[in-house]
Protein backbone atom coordinates (compact mmCIF):
# COMPACT_ATOMS: atom_id res chain seq x y z
CA MET A 1 7.71 -21.18 -0.61
CA ARG A 2 4.02 -21.17 0.21
CA ILE A 3 1.66 -20.26 -2.64
CA ILE A 4 -1.66 -18.60 -1.84
CA SER A 5 -4.23 -18.48 -4.64
CA LEU A 6 -6.18 -15.30 -3.90
CA SER A 7 -9.07 -16.20 -6.21
CA LYS A 8 -9.53 -19.57 -4.49
CA LYS A 9 -9.12 -18.12 -0.99
CA ILE A 10 -11.16 -14.92 -1.39
CA GLY A 11 -12.78 -14.71 -4.83
CA GLN A 12 -12.28 -12.80 -8.08
CA ARG A 13 -12.96 -9.35 -6.66
CA LEU A 14 -10.63 -8.20 -3.88
CA MET A 15 -12.41 -5.28 -2.26
CA SER A 16 -12.95 -5.69 1.48
CA ARG A 17 -10.53 -3.91 3.81
CA HIS A 18 -11.58 -6.31 6.59
CA ILE A 19 -10.71 -9.41 4.55
CA ALA A 20 -7.41 -7.84 3.50
CA ALA A 21 -6.55 -7.19 7.16
CA GLU A 22 -7.30 -10.82 8.02
CA LEU A 23 -5.06 -12.02 5.19
CA ARG A 24 -2.31 -9.60 6.23
CA ASN A 25 -2.42 -10.97 9.79
CA GLU A 26 -2.18 -14.49 8.37
CA LEU A 27 0.83 -13.56 6.22
CA VAL A 28 2.67 -12.05 9.18
CA GLN A 29 2.42 -15.42 10.97
CA ILE A 30 4.02 -17.34 8.07
CA ASN A 31 7.78 -17.66 8.58
CA GLU A 32 8.69 -18.50 5.00
CA PRO A 33 8.46 -16.73 1.64
CA VAL A 34 4.93 -16.44 0.27
CA GLN A 35 3.83 -16.18 -3.32
CA LEU A 36 0.49 -14.45 -3.84
CA ASP A 37 -1.12 -15.85 -6.98
CA PHE A 38 -3.38 -13.28 -8.66
CA SER A 39 -4.61 -15.61 -11.43
CA GLY A 40 -8.37 -15.27 -11.84
CA ILE A 41 -8.49 -11.91 -10.04
CA LYS A 42 -10.76 -9.49 -11.95
CA TRP A 43 -10.70 -6.53 -9.55
CA LEU A 44 -8.36 -5.22 -6.85
CA SER A 45 -9.56 -2.16 -4.97
CA HIS A 46 -7.10 0.41 -3.72
CA THR A 47 -8.39 -0.08 -0.16
CA PHE A 48 -7.78 -3.84 -0.30
CA ALA A 49 -4.30 -3.35 -1.76
CA ASP A 50 -3.45 -0.73 0.87
CA GLU A 51 -4.72 -2.81 3.79
CA LEU A 52 -2.91 -5.93 2.61
CA LEU A 53 0.24 -4.81 0.82
CA GLY A 54 0.74 -1.20 1.88
CA ILE A 55 0.45 -1.79 5.61
CA LEU A 56 2.33 -5.11 5.36
CA HIS A 57 5.18 -3.27 3.62
CA GLN A 58 5.21 -0.65 6.39
CA GLU A 59 5.08 -3.26 9.16
CA LEU A 60 7.77 -5.57 7.74
CA GLY A 61 9.98 -2.94 6.18
CA ALA A 62 11.07 -2.92 2.55
CA GLU A 63 13.88 -5.47 2.88
CA VAL A 64 11.82 -8.13 4.67
CA PHE A 65 8.74 -7.48 2.51
CA ASN A 66 10.76 -7.87 -0.69
CA SER A 67 12.39 -11.07 0.53
CA ARG A 68 9.19 -12.70 1.82
CA ILE A 69 6.37 -11.54 -0.47
CA ARG A 70 6.22 -12.48 -4.14
CA MET A 71 3.40 -11.98 -6.60
CA ARG A 72 2.60 -13.86 -9.79
CA ASN A 73 -0.02 -13.81 -12.54
CA VAL A 74 -0.66 -10.11 -11.99
CA SER A 75 -2.56 -8.39 -14.82
CA LEU A 76 -1.37 -5.02 -16.08
CA GLU A 77 -4.33 -3.21 -14.47
CA ILE A 78 -3.84 -4.87 -11.09
CA ARG A 79 -0.09 -4.29 -11.29
CA GLY A 80 -0.84 -0.56 -11.55
CA VAL A 81 -2.86 -0.64 -8.31
CA ILE A 82 -0.13 -2.61 -6.54
CA THR A 83 2.61 -0.27 -7.78
CA LEU A 84 0.72 2.80 -6.59
CA THR A 85 0.06 1.16 -3.21
CA LEU A 86 3.69 0.23 -2.65
CA GLU A 87 4.90 3.67 -3.73
CA LYS A 88 2.61 5.20 -1.11
CA ALA A 89 3.84 2.69 1.49
CA MET A 90 7.43 3.74 0.82
CA ASN A 91 6.42 7.40 1.27
CA PRO A 92 3.92 7.25 4.18
CA GLY A 93 3.24 10.99 4.20
CA THR A 94 1.43 10.55 0.89
CA ALA A 95 -0.56 7.42 1.82
CA ALA A 96 -4.07 8.81 1.91
CA THR A 97 -5.92 5.51 2.00
CA SER A 98 -4.38 3.63 4.90
CA LYS A 99 -5.78 3.91 8.39
CA ARG A 100 -2.22 3.94 9.64
CA GLY A 101 -1.29 6.84 7.35
CA THR A 102 -4.34 8.79 8.50
CA ALA A 103 -3.46 8.24 12.14
CA LYS A 104 0.08 9.48 11.55
CA ARG A 105 -1.13 12.68 9.92
CA ALA A 106 -3.64 13.32 12.69
CA ALA A 107 -1.05 12.87 15.46
């Protein structure tokens, strides 16, 4: 299992949708389980979480996402953002923040 320390890779504040998209593209290329380490993370924006985890969940599907993506050292506050993001990913009609969700509603 590959471990990715988000604070070392990106910093303590995870906010940029662009950086999240780059990380998501990197995760898709990894053909083994990945553990995202949230130790040292002080802030996780909803847009970052949606771009990284929400869209990744939609692209991989629930079964593959759950088997390949693990998270550790997640604070209670950040866990709330992640939970909300994944709930929206499982119900795409309610995902207001993702570009993909917006495109689906507009179509």
